[in-house]
Amino acid sequence: MTPTSNYVLEADRITIKFGGLTAVNNVSLKVPFQSIISIIGPNGAGKTTFFNCISGFYGVDTGTVYFLKRPINGIPTDEVANMGISRTYQNIRLFTNLTVLENVLIGQQPRLKATCIDAMLNTLRNRREERQSIQKACNLLDFVGLNAYVDEVAKNLPYGAQRRLEIARALGNNPHLILLDEPCAGMNPNETASMISLINTLRSELKITIVLIEHDMKVVMNISDSIMVLDHGERIAQGTPEEIQRDQRVIKAYLGVGTENLVERYSKRKQEKAARLQADGK
C-alpha cells in the first residue's frame, strides 16, 4: 500500500502472533485527519494488541503502520511519541505519588531540548524551558478542568479526574494522534458525559485525531465518525455507527439482540440535533 496524504494513520494488513496464537490477523485501518474512530469488540478480540502495534510497543509480524505517510514499524516507542502519537491506558498509569503538575510535566519530556548538563549547571536554556513547561502544564490542566488540583498528589484525585489527568499528560507531547484505551471505563454517568465533551473538544479545538477503544456503546455511538469491529483478532466490520448497529455479524459477535432499538434511538437523536442546528441557522 502507498500511504496517502488524506490520513494521519494507516495500518496495512497488520498481523501479530504470540507463539501459536494469532492475536491480530490481517487488520487494516485508515484514520482521516481530525476524525474520531472507535474500535470495539468482545474481550480478547485484539483491540489493545492492535493499539500496541500502532504505538510501537509491539513489533508486527507482517504489515506496515504509516503515520503521516511515514512507516513506523520497528521505531522505539519514545521516538513514536516524539513523532506525535500519544496514548492512555485501560488501567490508569499515573505517577501516583507525584503531584498533578509533575505528572503533566513528565508528559512534556520528549519535547525538551535542555540536557543533563543544562540541568546540573542551571543554564539559561534550562531555566527558560522550565518556566515554559510549567506554564504549558498549567494551561493543559485548565483545558481538562483540573486547574484546582495543580498541587494535589495524583493518587488523591477522584477517579474521573485521574482519567482527565492522563489525557492532560498525553497532550504535553503536542500529539497529532491520541490513542485512548477505554477512557470511560469505570465512570459514573456524569463523569462519562464530561469525558465525551472533552474528547469532542480535543478534536474541535486542538484539531487532534482520536482513535479509541471503548465498551460503552452510548459513548461509541455518540462520538464516532467510524467504528471498526474486531473479533478473535480479525476485522469483521467497519462503518458508521448506524451501519455497525445493523450489521448482523456485529450483533451476533458483540452487540447482541435488541440493538435495533438502540439504532432507532440514536438515529432519532441525530435527526433532532440536525433539526435544531438548522433552526438556529448553523
C-alpha atoms as a PDB file:
ATOM      1  CA  MET A   1       0.000   0.000   0.000  1.00  0.00           C
ATOM      2  CA  THR A   2       1.162   3.515  -0.802  1.00  0.00           C
ATOM      3  CA  PRO A   3       0.270   5.897   2.047  1.00  0.00           C
ATOM      4  CA  THR A   4      -1.775   8.966   1.102  1.00  0.00           C
ATOM      5  CA  SER A   5      -1.945  12.496   2.443  1.00  0.00           C
ATOM      6  CA  ASN A   6      -5.627  12.084   3.383  1.00  0.00           C
ATOM      7  CA  TYR A   7      -4.909  10.057   6.513  1.00  0.00           C
ATOM      8  CA  VAL A   8      -2.949  10.675   9.683  1.00  0.00           C
ATOM      9  CA  LEU A   9      -2.649   6.913  10.331  1.00  0.00           C
ATOM     10  CA  GLU A  10      -2.784   3.916   8.020  1.00  0.00           C
ATOM     11  CA  ALA A  11      -2.400   0.384   9.293  1.00  0.00           C
ATOM     12  CA  ASP A  12      -1.968  -2.003   6.379  1.00  0.00           C
ATOM     13  CA  ARG A  13      -2.700  -5.711   6.929  1.00  0.00           C
ATOM     14  CA  ILE A  14      -1.278  -5.924  10.448  1.00  0.00           C
ATOM     15  CA  THR A  15      -0.637  -9.404  11.822  1.00  0.00           C
ATOM     16  CA  ILE A  16       0.990 -10.310  15.120  1.00  0.00           C
ATOM     17  CA  LYS A  17       1.362 -13.734  16.709  1.00  0.00           C
ATOM     18  CA  PHE A  18       2.335 -14.826  20.208  1.00  0.00           C
ATOM     19  CA  GLY A  19       3.577 -18.382  19.925  1.00  0.00           C
ATOM     20  CA  GLY A  20       0.794 -20.309  18.249  1.00  0.00           C
ATOM     21  CA  LEU A  21      -1.823 -17.619  18.926  1.00  0.00           C
ATOM     22  CA  THR A  22      -2.655 -15.083  16.245  1.00  0.00           C
ATOM     23  CA  ALA A  23      -3.712 -12.035  18.264  1.00  0.00           C
ATOM     24  CA  VAL A  24      -4.306  -9.724  15.288  1.00  0.00           C
ATOM     25  CA  ASN A  25      -4.806 -11.145  11.820  1.00  0.00           C
ATOM     26  CA  ASN A  26      -4.516  -9.069   8.633  1.00  0.00           C
ATOM     27  CA  VAL A  27      -6.209  -5.970  10.083  1.00  0.00           C
ATOM     28  CA  SER A  28      -6.200  -2.694   8.148  1.00  0.00           C
ATOM     29  CA  LEU A  29      -7.419   0.714   9.278  1.00  0.00           C
ATOM     30  CA  LYS A  30      -7.303   4.203   7.764  1.00  0.00           C
ATOM     31  CA  VAL A  31      -7.774   7.178  10.084  1.00  0.00           C
ATOM     32  CA  PRO A  32      -8.631  10.529   8.445  1.00  0.00           C
ATOM     33  CA  PHE A  33      -7.287  13.753   9.906  1.00  0.00           C
ATOM     34  CA  GLN A  34      -9.317  15.172  12.820  1.00  0.00           C
ATOM     35  CA  SER A  35     -11.632  12.164  12.925  1.00  0.00           C
ATOM     36  CA  ILE A  36     -12.812  10.089  15.879  1.00  0.00           C
ATOM     37  CA  ILE A  37     -12.533   6.371  15.178  1.00  0.00           C
ATOM     38  CA  SER A  38     -13.675   3.720  17.658  1.00  0.00           C
ATOM     39  CA  ILE A  39     -12.517   0.117  17.915  1.00  0.00           C
ATOM     40  CA  ILE A  40     -14.950  -2.263  19.576  1.00  0.00           C
ATOM     41  CA  GLY A  41     -15.239  -5.994  20.091  1.00  0.00           C
ATOM     42  CA  PRO A  42     -15.500  -8.688  22.777  1.00  0.00           C
ATOM     43  CA  ASN A  43     -12.825  -9.131  25.437  1.00  0.00           C
ATOM     44  CA  GLY A  44      -9.797 -10.791  23.877  1.00  0.00           C
ATOM     45  CA  ALA A  45     -10.668  -9.555  20.384  1.00  0.00           C
ATOM     46  CA  GLY A  46      -7.214  -7.988  19.912  1.00  0.00           C
ATOM     47  CA  LYS A  47      -8.121  -4.327  20.417  1.00  0.00           C
ATOM     48  CA  THR A  48      -5.354  -3.345  22.850  1.00  0.00           C
ATOM     49  CA  THR A  49      -2.864  -5.520  20.973  1.00  0.00           C
ATOM     50  CA  PHE A  50      -3.679  -3.547  17.836  1.00  0.00           C
ATOM     51  CA  PHE A  51      -3.101  -0.323  19.797  1.00  0.00           C
ATOM     52  CA  ASN A  52       0.255  -1.656  20.943  1.00  0.00           C
ATOM     53  CA  CYS A  53       1.228  -2.329  17.326  1.00  0.00           C
ATOM     54  CA  ILE A  54       0.341   1.241  16.350  1.00  0.00           C
ATOM     55  CA  SER A  55       2.260   2.821  19.237  1.00  0.00           C
ATOM     56  CA  GLY A  56       5.370   0.695  18.691  1.00  0.00           C
ATOM     57  CA  PHE A  57       5.063  -1.273  21.935  1.00  0.00           C
ATOM     58  CA  TYR A  58       4.801  -4.464  19.876  1.00  0.00           C
ATOM     59  CA  GLY A  59       6.602  -5.232  16.659  1.00  0.00           C
ATOM     60  CA  VAL A  60       4.341  -6.692  13.980  1.00  0.00           C
ATOM     61  CA  ASP A  61       4.987  -9.976  12.161  1.00  0.00           C
ATOM     62  CA  THR A  62       3.581  -8.720   8.867  1.00  0.00           C
ATOM     63  CA  GLY A  63       2.071  -5.478   7.638  1.00  0.00           C
ATOM     64  CA  THR A  64       3.026  -1.829   7.938  1.00  0.00           C
ATOM     65  CA  VAL A  65       1.914   1.066  10.122  1.00  0.00           C
ATOM     66  CA  TYR A  66       2.176   4.500   8.490  1.00  0.00           C
ATOM     67  CA  PHE A  67       1.986   7.713  10.490  1.00  0.00           C
ATOM     68  CA  LEU A  68       1.818  10.896   8.419  1.00  0.00           C
ATOM     69  CA  LYS A  69       2.833   8.751   5.422  1.00  0.00           C
ATOM     70  CA  ARG A  70       5.982   7.501   7.173  1.00  0.00           C
ATOM     71  CA  PRO A  71       6.372   3.781   8.045  1.00  0.00           C
ATOM     72  CA  ILE A  72       6.965   3.450  11.787  1.00  0.00           C
ATOM     73  CA  ASN A  73       7.480  -0.289  12.149  1.00  0.00           C
ATOM     74  CA  GLY A  74      10.375  -1.032  14.478  1.00  0.00           C
ATOM     75  CA  ILE A  75      10.760   2.547  15.707  1.00  0.00           C
ATOM     76  CA  PRO A  76      11.210   2.711  19.517  1.00  0.00           C
ATOM     77  CA  THR A  77       8.185   3.861  21.486  1.00  0.00           C
ATOM     78  CA  ASP A  78       9.873   7.072  22.653  1.00  0.00           C
ATOM     79  CA  GLU A  79      10.572   8.055  19.040  1.00  0.00           C
ATOM     80  CA  VAL A  80       6.991   7.211  18.066  1.00  0.00           C
ATOM     81  CA  ALA A  81       5.802   9.510  20.856  1.00  0.00           C
ATOM     82  CA  ASN A  82       8.172  12.224  19.704  1.00  0.00           C
ATOM     83  CA  MET A  83       6.688  11.982  16.200  1.00  0.00           C
ATOM     84  CA  GLY A  84       3.279  12.901  17.621  1.00  0.00           C
ATOM     85  CA  ILE A  85       1.442   9.792  18.858  1.00  0.00           C
ATOM     86  CA  SER A  86       0.280   9.797  22.477  1.00  0.00           C
ATOM     87  CA  ARG A  87      -1.845   7.253  24.319  1.00  0.00           C
ATOM     88  CA  THR A  88      -3.635   6.448  27.533  1.00  0.00           C
ATOM     89  CA  TYR A  89      -4.181   3.012  29.042  1.00  0.00           C
ATOM     90  CA  GLN A  90      -7.050   0.790  30.097  1.00  0.00           C
ATOM     91  CA  ASN A  91      -5.619   0.723  33.612  1.00  0.00           C
ATOM     92  CA  ILE A  92      -4.657   4.210  34.762  1.00  0.00           C
ATOM     93  CA  ARG A  93      -0.874   4.651  34.705  1.00  0.00           C
ATOM     94  CA  LEU A  94      -0.150   7.824  36.607  1.00  0.00           C
ATOM     95  CA  PHE A  95       2.824   8.595  38.801  1.00  0.00           C
ATOM     96  CA  THR A  96       0.575   8.298  41.811  1.00  0.00           C
ATOM     97  CA  ASN A  97       2.912   9.815  44.398  1.00  0.00           C
ATOM     98  CA  LEU A  98       3.765  12.857  42.273  1.00  0.00           C
ATOM     99  CA  THR A  99       1.609  15.949  42.040  1.00  0.00           C
ATOM    100  CA  VAL A 100      -0.828  16.635  39.251  1.00  0.00           C
ATOM    101  CA  LEU A 101       1.508  19.288  37.852  1.00  0.00           C
ATOM    102  CA  GLU A 102       4.528  16.961  37.955  1.00  0.00           C
ATOM    103  CA  ASN A 103       2.616  14.279  36.043  1.00  0.00           C
ATOM    104  CA  VAL A 104       1.889  16.708  33.212  1.00  0.00           C
ATOM    105  CA  LEU A 105       5.464  17.993  33.199  1.00  0.00           C
ATOM    106  CA  ILE A 106       6.685  14.425  32.642  1.00  0.00           C
ATOM    107  CA  GLY A 107       4.481  14.227  29.547  1.00  0.00           C
ATOM    108  CA  GLN A 108       6.492  17.062  28.002  1.00  0.00           C
ATOM    109  CA  GLN A 109       9.862  15.343  28.334  1.00  0.00           C
ATOM    110  CA  PRO A 110      10.099  14.150  24.691  1.00  0.00           C
ATOM    111  CA  ARG A 111       9.908  17.774  23.506  1.00  0.00           C
ATOM    112  CA  LEU A 112      12.512  19.285  25.833  1.00  0.00           C
ATOM    113  CA  LYS A 113      15.917  20.334  24.483  1.00  0.00           C
ATOM    114  CA  ALA A 114      17.823  21.015  27.706  1.00  0.00           C
ATOM    115  CA  THR A 115      20.426  18.379  28.567  1.00  0.00           C
ATOM    116  CA  CYS A 116      21.516  16.873  31.874  1.00  0.00           C
ATOM    117  CA  ILE A 117      24.451  19.298  31.832  1.00  0.00           C
ATOM    118  CA  ASP A 118      21.995  22.187  31.431  1.00  0.00           C
ATOM    119  CA  ALA A 119      20.086  20.930  34.459  1.00  0.00           C
ATOM    120  CA  MET A 120      23.206  20.498  36.616  1.00  0.00           C
ATOM    121  CA  LEU A 121      24.524  23.943  35.713  1.00  0.00           C
ATOM    122  CA  ASN A 122      21.057  25.519  35.741  1.00  0.00           C
ATOM    123  CA  THR A 123      21.768  27.208  32.439  1.00  0.00           C
ATOM    124  CA  LEU A 124      19.619  29.863  30.823  1.00  0.00           C
ATOM    125  CA  ARG A 125      18.155  27.272  28.449  1.00  0.00           C
ATOM    126  CA  ASN A 126      17.216  25.039  31.380  1.00  0.00           C
ATOM    127  CA  ARG A 127      15.561  27.879  33.301  1.00  0.00           C
ATOM    128  CA  ARG A 128      13.695  29.079  30.228  1.00  0.00           C
ATOM    129  CA  GLU A 129      12.391  25.607  29.380  1.00  0.00           C
ATOM    130  CA  GLU A 130      11.374  25.017  32.970  1.00  0.00           C
ATOM    131  CA  ARG A 131       9.273  28.183  33.030  1.00  0.00           C
ATOM    132  CA  GLN A 132       7.724  27.368  29.673  1.00  0.00           C
ATOM    133  CA  SER A 133       6.971  23.784  30.717  1.00  0.00           C
ATOM    134  CA  ILE A 134       5.252  24.852  33.923  1.00  0.00           C
ATOM    135  CA  GLN A 135       3.143  27.398  32.069  1.00  0.00           C
ATOM    136  CA  LYS A 136       2.169  24.862  29.432  1.00  0.00           C
ATOM    137  CA  ALA A 137       1.305  22.265  32.087  1.00  0.00           C
ATOM    138  CA  CYS A 138      -0.938  24.768  33.862  1.00  0.00           C
ATOM    139  CA  ASN A 139      -2.640  25.603  30.571  1.00  0.00           C
ATOM    140  CA  LEU A 140      -3.277  21.921  29.870  1.00  0.00           C
ATOM    141  CA  LEU A 141      -4.684  21.343  33.343  1.00  0.00           C
ATOM    142  CA  ASP A 142      -7.000  24.281  32.828  1.00  0.00           C
ATOM    143  CA  PHE A 143      -8.042  22.827  29.467  1.00  0.00           C
ATOM    144  CA  VAL A 144      -9.078  19.482  31.024  1.00  0.00           C
ATOM    145  CA  GLY A 145     -10.680  21.145  34.032  1.00  0.00           C
ATOM    146  CA  LEU A 146      -8.070  20.248  36.663  1.00  0.00           C
ATOM    147  CA  ASN A 147      -6.549  23.635  37.415  1.00  0.00           C
ATOM    148  CA  ALA A 148      -7.846  23.405  41.004  1.00  0.00           C
ATOM    149  CA  TYR A 149      -5.754  20.254  41.590  1.00  0.00           C
ATOM    150  CA  VAL A 150      -2.324  21.519  40.478  1.00  0.00           C
ATOM    151  CA  ASP A 151      -0.519  20.740  43.749  1.00  0.00           C
ATOM    152  CA  GLU A 152      -2.616  17.705  44.700  1.00  0.00           C
ATOM    153  CA  VAL A 153      -0.952  14.281  44.790  1.00  0.00           C
ATOM    154  CA  ALA A 154      -2.274  12.303  41.812  1.00  0.00           C
ATOM    155  CA  LYS A 155      -3.499   9.307  43.831  1.00  0.00           C
ATOM    156  CA  ASN A 156      -5.823  11.589  45.834  1.00  0.00           C
ATOM    157  CA  LEU A 157      -7.805  12.691  42.773  1.00  0.00           C
ATOM    158  CA  PRO A 158     -11.295  11.328  42.103  1.00  0.00           C
ATOM    159  CA  TYR A 159     -11.354   8.544  39.539  1.00  0.00           C
ATOM    160  CA  GLY A 160     -12.740  10.667  36.711  1.00  0.00           C
ATOM    161  CA  ALA A 161     -10.175  13.374  37.398  1.00  0.00           C
ATOM    162  CA  GLN A 162      -7.369  10.796  37.179  1.00  0.00           C
ATOM    163  CA  ARG A 163      -8.606   9.857  33.704  1.00  0.00           C
ATOM    164  CA  ARG A 164      -8.522  13.513  32.719  1.00  0.00           C
ATOM    165  CA  LEU A 165      -5.023  13.852  34.122  1.00  0.00           C
ATOM    166  CA  GLU A 166      -3.871  11.026  31.865  1.00  0.00           C
ATOM    167  CA  ILE A 167      -5.184  12.955  28.886  1.00  0.00           C
ATOM    168  CA  ALA A 168      -3.508  16.180  30.044  1.00  0.00           C
ATOM    169  CA  ARG A 169      -0.206  14.313  30.311  1.00  0.00           C
ATOM    170  CA  ALA A 170      -0.702  12.857  26.820  1.00  0.00           C
ATOM    171  CA  LEU A 171      -1.314  16.358  25.463  1.00  0.00           C
ATOM    172  CA  GLY A 172       2.048  17.513  26.789  1.00  0.00           C
ATOM    173  CA  ASN A 173       3.657  15.818  23.807  1.00  0.00           C
ATOM    174  CA  ASN A 174       1.810  18.039  21.285  1.00  0.00           C
ATOM    175  CA  PRO A 175       0.314  14.986  19.595  1.00  0.00           C
ATOM    176  CA  HIS A 176      -1.309  14.786  16.191  1.00  0.00           C
ATOM    177  CA  LEU A 177      -2.945  11.496  17.223  1.00  0.00           C
ATOM    178  CA  ILE A 178      -4.154  10.239  20.615  1.00  0.00           C
ATOM    179  CA  LEU A 179      -4.967   6.592  21.303  1.00  0.00           C
ATOM    180  CA  LEU A 180      -7.465   6.296  24.163  1.00  0.00           C
ATOM    181  CA  ASP A 181      -7.850   2.826  25.692  1.00  0.00           C
ATOM    182  CA  GLU A 182     -11.271   2.686  27.388  1.00  0.00           C
ATOM    183  CA  PRO A 183     -11.301   6.328  28.541  1.00  0.00           C
ATOM    184  CA  CYS A 184     -14.762   5.972  30.136  1.00  0.00           C
ATOM    185  CA  ALA A 185     -14.177   2.636  31.903  1.00  0.00           C
ATOM    186  CA  GLY A 186     -15.495   2.649  35.449  1.00  0.00           C
ATOM    187  CA  MET A 187     -17.035   6.122  35.231  1.00  0.00           C
ATOM    188  CA  ASN A 188     -20.416   7.190  36.513  1.00  0.00           C
ATOM    189  CA  PRO A 189     -22.852   8.858  34.068  1.00  0.00           C
ATOM    190  CA  ASN A 190     -21.749  12.402  34.953  1.00  0.00           C
ATOM    191  CA  GLU A 191     -18.068  11.550  34.533  1.00  0.00           C
ATOM    192  CA  THR A 192     -18.826   9.817  31.242  1.00  0.00           C
ATOM    193  CA  ALA A 193     -20.696  12.843  29.892  1.00  0.00           C
ATOM    194  CA  SER A 194     -17.786  15.073  30.913  1.00  0.00           C
ATOM    195  CA  MET A 195     -15.298  12.764  29.161  1.00  0.00           C
ATOM    196  CA  ILE A 196     -17.372  12.726  25.966  1.00  0.00           C
ATOM    197  CA  SER A 197     -17.337  16.524  25.977  1.00  0.00           C
ATOM    198  CA  LEU A 198     -13.565  16.577  26.496  1.00  0.00           C
ATOM    199  CA  ILE A 199     -12.923  14.112  23.659  1.00  0.00           C
ATOM    200  CA  ASN A 200     -15.037  16.196  21.289  1.00  0.00           C
ATOM    201  CA  THR A 201     -13.150  19.325  22.376  1.00  0.00           C
ATOM    202  CA  LEU A 202      -9.797  17.656  21.673  1.00  0.00           C
ATOM    203  CA  ARG A 203     -10.921  17.310  18.087  1.00  0.00           C
ATOM    204  CA  SER A 204     -12.774  20.614  17.650  1.00  0.00           C
ATOM    205  CA  GLU A 205     -10.368  22.969  19.439  1.00  0.00           C
ATOM    206  CA  LEU A 206      -6.974  21.249  19.324  1.00  0.00           C
ATOM    207  CA  LYS A 207      -7.529  19.579  15.915  1.00  0.00           C
ATOM    208  CA  ILE A 208      -6.319  16.235  17.274  1.00  0.00           C
ATOM    209  CA  THR A 209      -7.213  12.921  15.643  1.00  0.00           C
ATOM    210  CA  ILE A 210      -8.535  10.306  18.070  1.00  0.00           C
ATOM    211  CA  VAL A 211      -8.706   6.525  17.987  1.00  0.00           C
ATOM    212  CA  LEU A 212     -10.348   4.926  20.991  1.00  0.00           C
ATOM    213  CA  ILE A 213     -11.230   1.558  22.401  1.00  0.00           C
ATOM    214  CA  GLU A 214     -14.476   1.638  24.357  1.00  0.00           C
ATOM    215  CA  HIS A 215     -17.094  -0.804  25.642  1.00  0.00           C
ATOM    216  CA  ASP A 216     -19.743   1.796  26.454  1.00  0.00           C
ATOM    217  CA  MET A 217     -21.897   1.733  23.324  1.00  0.00           C
ATOM    218  CA  LYS A 218     -23.609   5.014  24.177  1.00  0.00           C
ATOM    219  CA  VAL A 219     -20.199   6.683  24.099  1.00  0.00           C
ATOM    220  CA  VAL A 220     -19.139   4.947  20.896  1.00  0.00           C
ATOM    221  CA  MET A 221     -22.340   5.699  19.021  1.00  0.00           C
ATOM    222  CA  ASN A 222     -22.435   9.348  20.063  1.00  0.00           C
ATOM    223  CA  ILE A 223     -18.903  10.442  19.190  1.00  0.00           C
ATOM    224  CA  SER A 224     -17.603   8.149  16.444  1.00  0.00           C
ATOM    225  CA  ASP A 225     -17.266   9.058  12.789  1.00  0.00           C
ATOM    226  CA  SER A 226     -16.446   5.431  12.031  1.00  0.00           C
ATOM    227  CA  ILE A 227     -16.257   2.185  14.008  1.00  0.00           C
ATOM    228  CA  MET A 228     -14.071  -0.866  13.425  1.00  0.00           C
ATOM    229  CA  VAL A 229     -15.187  -4.154  14.978  1.00  0.00           C
ATOM    230  CA  LEU A 230     -12.680  -6.862  15.884  1.00  0.00           C
ATOM    231  CA  ASP A 231     -13.472 -10.451  16.825  1.00  0.00           C
ATOM    232  CA  HIS A 232     -10.817 -13.088  17.531  1.00  0.00           C
ATOM    233  CA  GLY A 233      -8.176 -10.789  16.096  1.00  0.00           C
ATOM    234  CA  GLU A 234      -9.940 -10.189  12.789  1.00  0.00           C
ATOM    235  CA  ARG A 235     -11.817  -7.203  11.462  1.00  0.00           C
ATOM    236  CA  ILE A 236     -15.412  -8.290  10.892  1.00  0.00           C
ATOM    237  CA  ALA A 237     -16.910  -4.890  10.089  1.00  0.00           C
ATOM    238  CA  GLN A 238     -16.227  -1.188   9.705  1.00  0.00           C
ATOM    239  CA  GLY A 239     -18.611   1.658   9.041  1.00  0.00           C
ATOM    240  CA  THR A 240     -20.703   4.439  10.510  1.00  0.00           C
ATOM    241  CA  PRO A 241     -22.491   3.904  13.839  1.00  0.00           C
ATOM    242  CA  GLU A 242     -25.755   3.259  12.020  1.00  0.00           C
ATOM    243  CA  GLU A 243     -24.145   0.687   9.718  1.00  0.00           C
ATOM    244  CA  ILE A 244     -22.380  -1.114  12.557  1.00  0.00           C
ATOM    245  CA  GLN A 245     -25.505  -1.419  14.689  1.00  0.00           C
ATOM    246  CA  ARG A 246     -27.382  -3.004  11.800  1.00  0.00           C
ATOM    247  CA  ASP A 247     -24.599  -5.416  10.835  1.00  0.00           C
ATOM    248  CA  GLN A 248     -25.765  -8.913  11.696  1.00  0.00           C
ATOM    249  CA  ARG A 249     -22.199 -10.188  12.154  1.00  0.00           C
ATOM    250  CA  VAL A 250     -21.561  -7.499  14.749  1.00  0.00           C
ATOM    251  CA  ILE A 251     -24.850  -8.131  16.530  1.00  0.00           C
ATOM    252  CA  LYS A 252     -24.051 -11.833  16.755  1.00  0.00           C
ATOM    253  CA  ALA A 253     -20.436 -11.394  17.854  1.00  0.00           C
ATOM    254  CA  TYR A 254     -20.733  -8.441  20.198  1.00  0.00           C
ATOM    255  CA  LEU A 255     -23.752  -6.143  20.385  1.00  0.00           C
ATOM    256  CA  GLY A 256     -26.429  -8.776  20.956  1.00  0.00           C
ATOM    257  CA  VAL A 257     -30.121  -8.780  20.190  1.00  0.00           C
ATOM    258  CA  GLY A 258     -32.161  -5.681  20.828  1.00  0.00           C
ATOM    259  CA  THR A 259     -29.627  -3.457  19.121  1.00  0.00           C
ATOM    260  CA  GLU A 260     -32.202  -2.313  16.592  1.00  0.00           C
ATOM    261  CA  ASN A 261     -33.946  -0.226  19.253  1.00  0.00           C
ATOM    262  CA  LEU A 262     -30.630   1.454  20.051  1.00  0.00           C
ATOM    263  CA  VAL A 263     -30.216   2.240  16.356  1.00  0.00           C
ATOM    264  CA  GLU A 264     -33.615   3.877  16.222  1.00  0.00           C
ATOM    265  CA  ARG A 265     -32.939   5.985  19.324  1.00  0.00           C
ATOM    266  CA  TYR A 266     -29.523   7.050  18.006  1.00  0.00           C
ATOM    267  CA  SER A 267     -30.917   7.966  14.571  1.00  0.00           C
ATOM    268  CA  LYS A 268     -33.770   9.922  16.142  1.00  0.00           C
ATOM    269  CA  ARG A 269     -31.378  11.929  18.358  1.00  0.00           C
ATOM    270  CA  LYS A 270     -29.150  12.648  15.356  1.00  0.00           C
ATOM    271  CA  GLN A 271     -32.111  13.903  13.315  1.00  0.00           C
ATOM    272  CA  GLU A 272     -33.321  16.076  16.199  1.00  0.00           C
ATOM    273  CA  LYS A 273     -29.844  17.591  16.612  1.00  0.00           C
ATOM    274  CA  ALA A 274     -29.649  18.363  12.879  1.00  0.00           C
ATOM    275  CA  ALA A 275     -33.070  19.992  13.020  1.00  0.00           C
ATOM    276  CA  ARG A 276     -32.036  22.161  15.972  1.00  0.00           C
ATOM    277  CA  LEU A 277     -28.871  23.281  14.206  1.00  0.00           C
ATOM    278  CA  GLN A 278     -30.833  24.120  11.075  1.00  0.00           C
ATOM    279  CA  ALA A 279     -33.364  26.092  13.119  1.00  0.00           C
ATOM    280  CA  ASP A 280     -30.501  28.021  14.730  1.00  0.00           C
ATOM    281  CA  GLY A 281     -29.141  28.872  11.290  1.00  0.00           C
ATOM    282  CA  LYS A 282     -25.899  26.855  11.690  1.00  0.00           C
END
